[in-house]
C-alpha cells in the first residue's frame, strides 16, 4: 500500500500538467493508466477520452482548470479563446459551461 501511495506522489510530483498534453488534465487517453488520475471516456464533449479527475468544486482541480458539469463533475482545461484549444485537435474549441458547484460559468476546451 505504501508503495502505491509513494508511486502516486512520485507521478504527481513529476508533472503531468494541465493542457493538451497534460496527463493530469487534458491529454487524450484510452485508459486510466495513461493519466495521473483517470481517463474520462464516453462523453461527446471529449471525444476519444481525456485525462482528468473527479471534482465537486474548482478547489479540487489543479491550476489552469475548472470543475465543470460534464461527466458528473470533472476538471477541464481553461481557455480564453478558440486558439487556446488548438493543441487538442479533434474539434475542440473554447466553450462556456456551467461549473459543477454553480456560479459564474467556466470557459474550457471541449467539443461543443
N, C-alpha and C. Protein backbone atom coordinates (compact mmCIF):
# COMPACT_ATOMS: atom_id res chain seq x y z
N UNK A 1 0.82 -1.19 0.00
CA UNK A 1 0.00 0.00 0.00
C UNK A 1 0.87 1.26 0.00
N UNK A 2 1.92 1.28 0.84
CA UNK A 2 2.80 2.44 0.89
C UNK A 2 3.45 2.67 -0.46
N UNK A 3 3.81 1.58 -1.15
CA UNK A 3 4.45 1.69 -2.45
C UNK A 3 3.51 2.39 -3.44
N UNK A 4 2.22 2.03 -3.43
CA UNK A 4 1.26 2.65 -4.34
C UNK A 4 1.10 4.14 -4.04
N UNK A 5 1.05 4.51 -2.76
CA UNK A 5 0.93 5.91 -2.39
C UNK A 5 2.16 6.68 -2.83
N UNK A 6 3.35 6.12 -2.58
CA UNK A 6 4.58 6.78 -2.99
C UNK A 6 4.67 6.90 -4.50
N UNK A 7 4.24 5.86 -5.20
CA UNK A 7 4.25 5.91 -6.65
C UNK A 7 3.31 7.00 -7.15
N UNK A 8 2.11 7.12 -6.56
CA UNK A 8 1.17 8.17 -6.93
C UNK A 8 1.75 9.55 -6.69
N UNK A 9 2.41 9.74 -5.55
CA UNK A 9 3.03 11.03 -5.25
C UNK A 9 4.17 11.32 -6.22
N UNK A 10 4.93 10.31 -6.56
CA UNK A 10 6.04 10.48 -7.49
C UNK A 10 5.53 10.91 -8.86
N UNK A 11 4.49 10.23 -9.36
CA UNK A 11 3.92 10.58 -10.66
C UNK A 11 3.38 12.00 -10.63
N UNK A 12 2.64 12.34 -9.58
CA UNK A 12 2.09 13.70 -9.47
C UNK A 12 3.20 14.72 -9.35
N UNK A 13 4.25 14.39 -8.61
CA UNK A 13 5.36 15.31 -8.42
C UNK A 13 6.19 15.51 -9.68
N UNK A 14 6.18 14.53 -10.56
CA UNK A 14 6.94 14.62 -11.80
C UNK A 14 6.23 15.44 -12.85
N UNK A 15 5.05 15.87 -12.55
CA UNK A 15 4.36 16.71 -13.51
C UNK A 15 3.06 16.10 -13.91
N UNK A 16 2.90 15.95 -15.17
CA UNK A 16 1.61 15.55 -15.70
C UNK A 16 1.01 16.76 -16.35
N UNK A 17 0.83 17.80 -15.56
CA UNK A 17 0.43 19.10 -16.06
C UNK A 17 -1.00 19.20 -16.53
N UNK A 18 -1.33 20.42 -16.95
CA UNK A 18 -2.65 20.77 -17.43
C UNK A 18 -2.48 21.35 -18.83
N UNK A 19 -3.20 20.83 -19.78
CA UNK A 19 -3.13 21.30 -21.17
C UNK A 19 -3.31 20.14 -22.12
N UNK A 20 -3.12 20.40 -23.39
CA UNK A 20 -3.36 19.39 -24.42
C UNK A 20 -2.52 18.13 -24.24
N UNK A 21 -1.35 18.25 -23.63
CA UNK A 21 -0.51 17.08 -23.38
C UNK A 21 -0.46 16.73 -21.90
N UNK A 22 -1.29 17.36 -21.09
CA UNK A 22 -1.26 17.18 -19.64
C UNK A 22 -1.91 15.89 -19.18
N UNK A 23 -1.11 15.00 -18.62
CA UNK A 23 -1.66 13.74 -18.14
C UNK A 23 -2.41 13.90 -16.82
N UNK A 24 -2.35 15.09 -16.22
CA UNK A 24 -3.17 15.40 -15.05
C UNK A 24 -4.56 15.82 -15.54
N UNK A 25 -4.62 16.83 -16.42
CA UNK A 25 -5.88 17.28 -17.03
C UNK A 25 -5.61 17.70 -18.47
N UNK A 26 -6.24 17.03 -19.41
CA UNK A 26 -6.22 17.49 -20.79
C UNK A 26 -5.76 16.55 -21.86
N UNK A 27 -4.83 15.66 -21.59
CA UNK A 27 -4.29 14.79 -22.63
C UNK A 27 -5.33 13.80 -23.13
N UNK A 28 -5.23 13.45 -24.40
CA UNK A 28 -6.07 12.39 -24.96
C UNK A 28 -5.67 11.07 -24.32
N UNK A 29 -6.63 10.18 -24.12
CA UNK A 29 -6.33 8.89 -23.48
C UNK A 29 -7.34 7.84 -23.90
N UNK A 30 -6.93 6.59 -23.70
CA UNK A 30 -7.82 5.45 -23.93
C UNK A 30 -8.11 4.71 -22.63
N UNK A 31 -7.15 4.75 -21.70
CA UNK A 31 -7.28 4.01 -20.43
C UNK A 31 -6.72 4.85 -19.29
N UNK A 32 -7.16 4.55 -18.07
CA UNK A 32 -6.72 5.29 -16.88
C UNK A 32 -5.20 5.32 -16.73
N UNK A 33 -4.52 4.25 -17.10
CA UNK A 33 -3.07 4.16 -16.92
C UNK A 33 -2.31 5.23 -17.69
N UNK A 34 -2.92 5.88 -18.65
CA UNK A 34 -2.27 6.94 -19.42
C UNK A 34 -2.35 8.29 -18.72
N UNK A 35 -3.05 8.35 -17.60
CA UNK A 35 -3.31 9.60 -16.89
C UNK A 35 -2.84 9.51 -15.45
N UNK A 36 -2.62 10.66 -14.82
CA UNK A 36 -2.26 10.68 -13.41
C UNK A 36 -3.42 10.14 -12.58
N UNK A 37 -4.67 10.53 -12.92
CA UNK A 37 -5.83 10.09 -12.14
C UNK A 37 -6.74 9.16 -12.91
N UNK A 38 -7.40 9.66 -13.95
CA UNK A 38 -8.35 8.82 -14.68
C UNK A 38 -8.54 9.32 -16.11
N UNK A 39 -9.02 8.43 -16.95
CA UNK A 39 -9.37 8.76 -18.33
C UNK A 39 -10.88 8.81 -18.42
N UNK A 40 -11.41 9.98 -18.77
CA UNK A 40 -12.85 10.15 -18.94
C UNK A 40 -13.19 9.74 -20.36
N UNK A 41 -14.02 8.73 -20.51
CA UNK A 41 -14.41 8.23 -21.83
C UNK A 41 -15.93 8.26 -21.95
N UNK A 42 -16.41 8.31 -23.16
CA UNK A 42 -17.84 8.21 -23.41
C UNK A 42 -18.59 9.52 -23.29
N UNK A 43 -17.90 10.64 -23.19
CA UNK A 43 -18.55 11.95 -23.14
C UNK A 43 -18.31 12.63 -24.49
N UNK A 44 -19.38 13.01 -25.17
CA UNK A 44 -19.26 13.58 -26.52
C UNK A 44 -18.48 14.88 -26.56
N UNK A 45 -18.33 15.56 -25.42
CA UNK A 45 -17.56 16.80 -25.39
C UNK A 45 -16.06 16.55 -25.34
N UNK A 46 -15.65 15.31 -25.10
CA UNK A 46 -14.24 14.93 -25.02
C UNK A 46 -14.03 13.65 -25.81
N UNK A 47 -14.21 13.72 -27.13
CA UNK A 47 -14.13 12.51 -27.96
C UNK A 47 -12.76 11.84 -27.86
N UNK A 48 -12.79 10.53 -27.80
CA UNK A 48 -11.55 9.77 -27.72
C UNK A 48 -10.99 9.68 -26.32
N UNK A 49 -11.59 10.36 -25.36
CA UNK A 49 -11.13 10.31 -23.97
C UNK A 49 -10.22 11.46 -23.62
N UNK A 50 -10.25 11.85 -22.35
CA UNK A 50 -9.42 12.95 -21.86
C UNK A 50 -9.00 12.67 -20.42
N UNK A 51 -7.75 12.95 -20.10
CA UNK A 51 -7.27 12.80 -18.72
C UNK A 51 -7.90 13.87 -17.84
N UNK A 52 -8.38 13.47 -16.68
CA UNK A 52 -8.99 14.41 -15.77
C UNK A 52 -9.05 13.81 -14.37
N UNK A 53 -9.79 14.46 -13.50
CA UNK A 53 -10.10 13.91 -12.19
C UNK A 53 -11.49 14.36 -11.81
N UNK A 54 -12.12 13.59 -10.96
CA UNK A 54 -13.46 13.90 -10.49
C UNK A 54 -13.38 15.07 -9.52
N UNK A 55 -14.37 15.96 -9.58
CA UNK A 55 -14.35 17.14 -8.70
C UNK A 55 -15.76 17.51 -8.26
N UNK A 56 -15.81 18.30 -7.20
CA UNK A 56 -17.07 18.86 -6.71
C UNK A 56 -17.02 20.39 -6.70
N UNK A 57 -15.81 20.95 -6.85
CA UNK A 57 -15.63 22.40 -6.94
C UNK A 57 -14.28 22.68 -7.58
N UNK A 58 -14.04 23.95 -7.94
CA UNK A 58 -12.75 24.33 -8.53
C UNK A 58 -11.58 24.01 -7.60
N UNK A 59 -11.83 24.01 -6.30
CA UNK A 59 -10.77 23.72 -5.33
C UNK A 59 -10.20 22.31 -5.51
N UNK A 60 -10.95 21.41 -6.14
CA UNK A 60 -10.49 20.04 -6.38
C UNK A 60 -9.64 19.93 -7.64
N UNK A 61 -9.55 21.01 -8.42
CA UNK A 61 -8.86 20.98 -9.71
C UNK A 61 -7.52 21.72 -9.63
N UNK A 62 -6.53 21.25 -10.41
CA UNK A 62 -5.25 21.96 -10.45
C UNK A 62 -5.38 23.29 -11.17
N UNK A 63 -4.45 24.20 -10.93
CA UNK A 63 -4.42 25.50 -11.60
C UNK A 63 -4.51 25.34 -13.10
N UNK A 64 -5.25 26.22 -13.74
CA UNK A 64 -5.41 26.16 -15.18
C UNK A 64 -6.59 25.31 -15.61
N UNK A 65 -7.36 24.82 -14.63
CA UNK A 65 -8.54 24.03 -14.96
C UNK A 65 -9.68 24.40 -14.02
N UNK A 66 -10.90 24.06 -14.43
CA UNK A 66 -12.10 24.34 -13.64
C UNK A 66 -12.94 23.07 -13.52
N UNK A 67 -13.71 22.99 -12.46
CA UNK A 67 -14.62 21.87 -12.22
C UNK A 67 -15.92 22.14 -12.95
N UNK A 68 -16.18 21.40 -14.01
CA UNK A 68 -17.34 21.65 -14.86
C UNK A 68 -18.37 20.52 -14.79
N UNK A 69 -19.56 20.86 -15.24
CA UNK A 69 -20.70 19.94 -15.17
C UNK A 69 -20.74 19.02 -16.39
N UNK A 70 -19.65 18.33 -16.64
CA UNK A 70 -19.57 17.26 -17.65
C UNK A 70 -19.20 15.99 -16.91
N UNK A 71 -19.67 14.85 -17.38
CA UNK A 71 -19.32 13.55 -16.81
C UNK A 71 -19.45 13.52 -15.28
N UNK A 72 -20.50 14.16 -14.76
CA UNK A 72 -20.78 14.20 -13.31
C UNK A 72 -19.72 14.94 -12.51
N UNK A 73 -19.04 15.89 -13.13
CA UNK A 73 -18.06 16.73 -12.46
C UNK A 73 -16.63 16.32 -12.73
N UNK A 74 -16.00 16.99 -13.68
CA UNK A 74 -14.59 16.74 -13.99
C UNK A 74 -13.86 18.07 -14.15
N UNK A 75 -12.56 18.02 -13.99
CA UNK A 75 -11.71 19.18 -14.23
C UNK A 75 -11.44 19.26 -15.74
N UNK A 76 -11.61 20.45 -16.29
CA UNK A 76 -11.35 20.68 -17.72
C UNK A 76 -10.44 21.89 -17.86
N UNK A 77 -9.66 21.91 -18.92
CA UNK A 77 -8.66 22.95 -19.16
C UNK A 77 -9.32 24.29 -19.50
N UNK A 78 -8.95 25.33 -18.78
CA UNK A 78 -9.46 26.69 -19.01
C UNK A 78 -8.93 27.26 -20.31
N UNK A 79 -9.68 28.20 -20.89
CA UNK A 79 -9.27 28.90 -22.10
C UNK A 79 -9.90 30.28 -22.13
N UNK A 80 -9.36 31.13 -22.98
CA UNK A 80 -9.93 32.46 -23.19
C UNK A 80 -10.40 32.65 -24.63
N UNK A 81 -9.85 31.85 -25.55
CA UNK A 81 -10.19 31.96 -26.97
C UNK A 81 -9.99 30.61 -27.64
N UNK A 82 -10.60 30.42 -28.80
CA UNK A 82 -10.52 29.15 -29.51
C UNK A 82 -9.09 28.71 -29.81
N UNK A 83 -8.20 29.66 -30.10
CA UNK A 83 -6.83 29.27 -30.43
C UNK A 83 -6.11 28.66 -29.23
N UNK A 84 -6.60 28.89 -28.02
CA UNK A 84 -6.01 28.25 -26.83
C UNK A 84 -6.28 26.75 -26.83
N UNK A 85 -7.23 26.30 -27.63
CA UNK A 85 -7.62 24.89 -27.66
C UNK A 85 -7.08 24.16 -28.88
N UNK A 86 -6.32 24.83 -29.72
CA UNK A 86 -5.84 24.25 -30.97
C UNK A 86 -5.04 22.98 -30.75
N UNK A 87 -4.28 22.89 -29.67
CA UNK A 87 -3.46 21.71 -29.40
C UNK A 87 -4.26 20.46 -29.12
N UNK A 88 -5.53 20.60 -28.80
CA UNK A 88 -6.36 19.44 -28.51
C UNK A 88 -6.84 18.76 -29.78
N UNK A 89 -6.89 19.51 -30.91
CA UNK A 89 -7.38 18.94 -32.16
C UNK A 89 -8.81 18.44 -31.99
N UNK A 90 -9.18 17.43 -32.71
CA UNK A 90 -10.44 16.70 -32.57
C UNK A 90 -11.66 17.61 -32.45
N UNK A 91 -11.64 18.83 -33.00
CA UNK A 91 -12.80 19.71 -32.98
C UNK A 91 -12.99 20.51 -31.71
N UNK A 92 -11.98 20.57 -30.86
CA UNK A 92 -12.08 21.31 -29.60
C UNK A 92 -12.11 22.82 -29.86
N UNK A 93 -12.88 23.53 -29.04
CA UNK A 93 -12.90 24.99 -29.06
C UNK A 93 -13.17 25.47 -27.64
N UNK A 94 -13.04 26.77 -27.44
CA UNK A 94 -13.27 27.36 -26.13
C UNK A 94 -14.77 27.52 -25.94
N UNK A 95 -15.33 26.85 -24.95
CA UNK A 95 -16.77 26.80 -24.76
C UNK A 95 -17.14 27.16 -23.33
N UNK A 96 -18.24 27.88 -23.19
CA UNK A 96 -18.72 28.27 -21.86
C UNK A 96 -19.64 27.17 -21.32
N UNK A 97 -19.41 26.79 -20.07
CA UNK A 97 -20.18 25.70 -19.46
C UNK A 97 -20.41 26.00 -17.98
N UNK A 98 -21.46 25.41 -17.43
CA UNK A 98 -21.72 25.54 -16.01
C UNK A 98 -20.65 24.85 -15.18
N UNK A 99 -20.28 25.49 -14.10
CA UNK A 99 -19.40 24.85 -13.12
C UNK A 99 -20.27 23.88 -12.32
N UNK A 100 -19.68 22.81 -11.83
CA UNK A 100 -20.43 21.80 -11.09
C UNK A 100 -21.06 22.40 -9.82
N UNK A 101 -20.40 23.38 -9.21
CA UNK A 101 -20.90 23.99 -7.98
C UNK A 101 -21.77 25.22 -8.25
N UNK A 102 -22.02 25.53 -9.53
CA UNK A 102 -22.82 26.70 -9.87
C UNK A 102 -21.98 27.96 -9.90
N UNK A 103 -22.64 29.09 -9.96
CA UNK A 103 -21.93 30.37 -10.01
C UNK A 103 -21.58 30.76 -11.43
N UNK A 104 -20.53 31.55 -11.56
CA UNK A 104 -20.09 32.04 -12.86
C UNK A 104 -19.67 30.86 -13.74
N UNK A 105 -20.08 30.89 -15.00
CA UNK A 105 -19.72 29.81 -15.93
C UNK A 105 -18.21 29.80 -16.15
N UNK A 106 -17.70 28.63 -16.50
CA UNK A 106 -16.29 28.46 -16.83
C UNK A 106 -16.16 28.39 -18.35
N UNK A 107 -15.03 28.83 -18.88
CA UNK A 107 -14.74 28.63 -20.30
C UNK A 107 -13.60 27.62 -20.37
N UNK A 108 -13.87 26.50 -21.06
CA UNK A 108 -12.92 25.39 -21.11
C UNK A 108 -12.84 24.84 -22.53
N UNK A 109 -11.77 24.14 -22.80
CA UNK A 109 -11.58 23.49 -24.09
C UNK A 109 -12.39 22.19 -24.12
N UNK A 110 -13.32 22.12 -25.07
CA UNK A 110 -14.13 20.91 -25.26
C UNK A 110 -14.82 21.01 -26.62
N UNK A 111 -15.39 19.93 -27.07
CA UNK A 111 -16.15 19.90 -28.32
C UNK A 111 -17.58 20.32 -27.99
N UNK A 112 -18.10 21.27 -28.75
CA UNK A 112 -19.47 21.77 -28.49
C UNK A 112 -20.51 20.78 -28.92
